[in-house]
Amino acid sequence: MSATSTDLARFAKRDGLPSPDVRRALRRQAGWRQCDVAREVGVGRRTVTRWEAGRHTPSGETLRRYLAVLERMKEDAWR
C-alpha cells in the first residue's frame, strides 16, 4: 500500500491522524522501524504497535509529537 498525501488527507480523522493502516504503510515506505518512531515520539515500541493496530490513539502532547513524526516520515517516503 502506497501512502500519498491524498491518502493521508482522505483517511485523516478529526484528531488529524490517518487510519492505522495508512500510518503503518507510511512508516514502512519511509524505511522507519517502530522503535524509531517510538524513540522520536518518546514512547515505547509497544505503544506504536498499538497505535498501528488501531487499539489505542495518542492524545495531547504525544499526539502532537506523533503527527510531527508522521510528517517527517511522509517527507522520507517521497524522496
N, C-alpha and C. Protein backbone atom coordinates (compact mmCIF):
# COMPACT_ATOMS: atom_id res chain seq x y z
N MET A 1 0.85 -1.19 0.00
CA MET A 1 0.00 0.00 0.00
C MET A 1 0.88 1.24 0.00
N SER A 2 0.63 2.14 -0.90
CA SER A 2 1.42 3.34 -1.00
C SER A 2 0.65 4.51 -0.40
N ALA A 3 1.24 5.15 0.59
CA ALA A 3 0.60 6.29 1.24
C ALA A 3 0.96 7.56 0.49
N THR A 4 -0.04 8.27 0.04
CA THR A 4 0.18 9.55 -0.63
C THR A 4 -0.46 10.65 0.19
N SER A 5 -0.21 11.89 -0.18
CA SER A 5 -0.83 12.99 0.56
C SER A 5 -2.34 12.93 0.46
N THR A 6 -2.86 12.44 -0.67
CA THR A 6 -4.30 12.28 -0.82
C THR A 6 -4.81 11.25 0.17
N ASP A 7 -4.08 10.13 0.30
CA ASP A 7 -4.47 9.10 1.26
C ASP A 7 -4.49 9.68 2.67
N LEU A 8 -3.44 10.43 3.01
CA LEU A 8 -3.36 10.99 4.35
C LEU A 8 -4.52 11.93 4.63
N ALA A 9 -4.85 12.75 3.66
CA ALA A 9 -5.97 13.68 3.86
C ALA A 9 -7.29 12.92 3.91
N ARG A 10 -7.46 11.94 3.04
CA ARG A 10 -8.72 11.21 2.98
C ARG A 10 -8.96 10.40 4.24
N PHE A 11 -7.90 9.83 4.78
CA PHE A 11 -8.05 8.97 5.94
C PHE A 11 -7.87 9.69 7.27
N ALA A 12 -7.57 10.98 7.22
CA ALA A 12 -7.37 11.73 8.47
C ALA A 12 -8.69 11.83 9.23
N LYS A 13 -8.59 11.65 10.51
CA LYS A 13 -9.75 11.78 11.39
C LYS A 13 -9.74 13.16 11.99
N ARG A 14 -10.68 13.43 12.84
CA ARG A 14 -10.77 14.73 13.48
C ARG A 14 -9.48 15.07 14.23
N ASP A 15 -8.81 14.06 14.80
CA ASP A 15 -7.58 14.31 15.55
C ASP A 15 -6.38 14.54 14.64
N GLY A 16 -6.60 14.48 13.32
CA GLY A 16 -5.53 14.73 12.37
C GLY A 16 -4.75 13.50 11.97
N LEU A 17 -5.07 12.36 12.56
CA LEU A 17 -4.35 11.13 12.26
C LEU A 17 -4.97 10.39 11.08
N PRO A 18 -4.13 9.88 10.18
CA PRO A 18 -4.65 8.97 9.16
C PRO A 18 -5.01 7.64 9.83
N SER A 19 -5.65 6.77 9.11
CA SER A 19 -6.02 5.47 9.67
C SER A 19 -4.77 4.70 10.08
N PRO A 20 -4.92 3.74 10.99
CA PRO A 20 -3.77 2.93 11.40
C PRO A 20 -3.08 2.25 10.22
N ASP A 21 -3.84 1.75 9.25
CA ASP A 21 -3.23 1.09 8.09
C ASP A 21 -2.36 2.05 7.29
N VAL A 22 -2.82 3.28 7.12
CA VAL A 22 -2.06 4.27 6.37
C VAL A 22 -0.81 4.67 7.15
N ARG A 23 -0.94 4.81 8.47
CA ARG A 23 0.24 5.15 9.29
C ARG A 23 1.31 4.07 9.17
N ARG A 24 0.90 2.81 9.25
CA ARG A 24 1.84 1.69 9.15
C ARG A 24 2.49 1.67 7.77
N ALA A 25 1.68 1.85 6.72
CA ALA A 25 2.22 1.84 5.36
C ALA A 25 3.20 2.98 5.15
N LEU A 26 2.88 4.14 5.67
CA LEU A 26 3.77 5.29 5.56
C LEU A 26 5.09 5.02 6.25
N ARG A 27 5.04 4.46 7.45
CA ARG A 27 6.27 4.14 8.19
C ARG A 27 7.13 3.18 7.40
N ARG A 28 6.51 2.15 6.87
CA ARG A 28 7.28 1.14 6.11
C ARG A 28 7.87 1.75 4.84
N GLN A 29 7.07 2.54 4.15
CA GLN A 29 7.53 3.16 2.91
C GLN A 29 8.70 4.10 3.18
N ALA A 30 8.69 4.75 4.33
CA ALA A 30 9.76 5.68 4.68
C ALA A 30 11.01 4.95 5.19
N GLY A 31 10.87 3.66 5.46
CA GLY A 31 12.02 2.89 5.94
C GLY A 31 12.27 3.03 7.43
N TRP A 32 11.25 3.45 8.17
CA TRP A 32 11.37 3.58 9.62
C TRP A 32 10.92 2.29 10.29
N ARG A 33 11.50 2.02 11.44
CA ARG A 33 11.05 0.90 12.28
C ARG A 33 10.17 1.46 13.40
N GLN A 34 9.37 0.59 14.00
CA GLN A 34 8.53 1.04 15.10
C GLN A 34 9.37 1.62 16.23
N CYS A 35 10.53 1.04 16.48
CA CYS A 35 11.37 1.55 17.56
C CYS A 35 11.90 2.95 17.22
N ASP A 36 12.07 3.26 15.92
CA ASP A 36 12.48 4.61 15.52
C ASP A 36 11.39 5.62 15.84
N VAL A 37 10.15 5.25 15.50
CA VAL A 37 9.01 6.13 15.78
C VAL A 37 8.88 6.33 17.29
N ALA A 38 8.96 5.23 18.03
CA ALA A 38 8.82 5.29 19.49
C ALA A 38 9.85 6.22 20.10
N ARG A 39 11.09 6.11 19.67
CA ARG A 39 12.16 6.95 20.20
C ARG A 39 11.89 8.43 19.91
N GLU A 40 11.46 8.72 18.69
CA GLU A 40 11.22 10.11 18.30
C GLU A 40 10.02 10.71 19.05
N VAL A 41 9.00 9.90 19.31
CA VAL A 41 7.80 10.39 19.98
C VAL A 41 7.99 10.40 21.50
N GLY A 42 8.84 9.50 22.00
CA GLY A 42 9.07 9.42 23.44
C GLY A 42 8.16 8.42 24.13
N VAL A 43 7.85 7.33 23.41
CA VAL A 43 7.01 6.26 23.96
C VAL A 43 7.71 4.93 23.72
N GLY A 44 7.12 3.85 24.22
CA GLY A 44 7.67 2.53 23.97
C GLY A 44 7.23 1.98 22.63
N ARG A 45 7.99 1.03 22.09
CA ARG A 45 7.66 0.42 20.81
C ARG A 45 6.29 -0.24 20.84
N ARG A 46 5.93 -0.85 21.96
CA ARG A 46 4.61 -1.50 22.05
C ARG A 46 3.48 -0.49 21.90
N THR A 47 3.71 0.73 22.33
CA THR A 47 2.70 1.77 22.16
C THR A 47 2.47 2.06 20.69
N VAL A 48 3.55 2.14 19.92
CA VAL A 48 3.44 2.36 18.47
C VAL A 48 2.71 1.17 17.83
N THR A 49 3.01 -0.04 18.29
CA THR A 49 2.32 -1.23 17.78
C THR A 49 0.82 -1.10 18.01
N ARG A 50 0.44 -0.65 19.17
CA ARG A 50 -0.99 -0.49 19.49
C ARG A 50 -1.63 0.60 18.63
N TRP A 51 -0.91 1.68 18.38
CA TRP A 51 -1.44 2.74 17.52
C TRP A 51 -1.67 2.21 16.11
N GLU A 52 -0.69 1.45 15.60
CA GLU A 52 -0.80 0.95 14.23
C GLU A 52 -1.82 -0.18 14.10
N ALA A 53 -2.18 -0.79 15.20
CA ALA A 53 -3.22 -1.83 15.19
C ALA A 53 -4.60 -1.22 15.41
N GLY A 54 -4.65 0.07 15.73
CA GLY A 54 -5.91 0.74 15.98
C GLY A 54 -6.50 0.47 17.35
N ARG A 55 -5.69 -0.07 18.26
CA ARG A 55 -6.18 -0.36 19.62
C ARG A 55 -6.11 0.84 20.54
N HIS A 56 -5.21 1.77 20.25
CA HIS A 56 -5.06 2.97 21.06
C HIS A 56 -4.80 4.15 20.14
N THR A 57 -5.06 5.35 20.63
CA THR A 57 -4.81 6.58 19.88
C THR A 57 -4.10 7.56 20.80
N PRO A 58 -3.02 8.17 20.31
CA PRO A 58 -2.33 9.14 21.15
C PRO A 58 -3.18 10.38 21.37
N SER A 59 -2.88 11.11 22.42
CA SER A 59 -3.60 12.35 22.68
C SER A 59 -2.63 13.38 23.26
N GLY A 60 -3.10 14.60 23.35
CA GLY A 60 -2.31 15.66 23.96
C GLY A 60 -0.98 15.89 23.28
N GLU A 61 0.04 16.08 24.10
CA GLU A 61 1.39 16.35 23.61
C GLU A 61 1.94 15.17 22.81
N THR A 62 1.59 13.95 23.22
CA THR A 62 2.05 12.76 22.49
C THR A 62 1.49 12.77 21.07
N LEU A 63 0.23 13.14 20.92
CA LEU A 63 -0.38 13.23 19.59
C LEU A 63 0.36 14.27 18.76
N ARG A 64 0.66 15.41 19.32
CA ARG A 64 1.38 16.45 18.59
C ARG A 64 2.74 15.94 18.09
N ARG A 65 3.47 15.26 18.97
CA ARG A 65 4.79 14.73 18.58
C ARG A 65 4.64 13.64 17.50
N TYR A 66 3.63 12.80 17.64
CA TYR A 66 3.40 11.73 16.66
C TYR A 66 3.06 12.33 15.29
N LEU A 67 2.23 13.35 15.26
CA LEU A 67 1.89 13.99 14.00
C LEU A 67 3.13 14.58 13.34
N ALA A 68 4.02 15.17 14.14
CA ALA A 68 5.27 15.72 13.60
C ALA A 68 6.13 14.60 13.00
N VAL A 69 6.18 13.45 13.67
CA VAL A 69 6.95 12.32 13.16
C VAL A 69 6.32 11.79 11.87
N LEU A 70 5.00 11.73 11.81
CA LEU A 70 4.33 11.29 10.58
C LEU A 70 4.68 12.21 9.41
N GLU A 71 4.76 13.50 9.66
CA GLU A 71 5.14 14.44 8.60
C GLU A 71 6.57 14.18 8.13
N ARG A 72 7.48 13.91 9.07
CA ARG A 72 8.86 13.60 8.69
C ARG A 72 8.92 12.31 7.89
N MET A 73 8.14 11.31 8.31
CA MET A 73 8.11 10.05 7.56
C MET A 73 7.56 10.27 6.15
N LYS A 74 6.56 11.12 6.04
CA LYS A 74 6.00 11.42 4.72
C LYS A 74 7.08 12.01 3.82
N GLU A 75 7.87 12.92 4.33
CA GLU A 75 8.97 13.51 3.56
C GLU A 75 9.98 12.45 3.17
N ASP A 76 10.34 11.56 4.10
CA ASP A 76 11.28 10.49 3.81
C ASP A 76 10.74 9.53 2.76
N ALA A 77 9.45 9.24 2.81
CA ALA A 77 8.84 8.28 1.88
C ALA A 77 8.83 8.81 0.45
N TRP A 78 8.76 10.13 0.28
CA TRP A 78 8.62 10.69 -1.05
C TRP A 78 9.92 11.20 -1.63
N ARG A 79 11.02 10.84 -1.02
CA ARG A 79 12.34 11.24 -1.56
C ARG A 79 12.77 10.27 -2.60
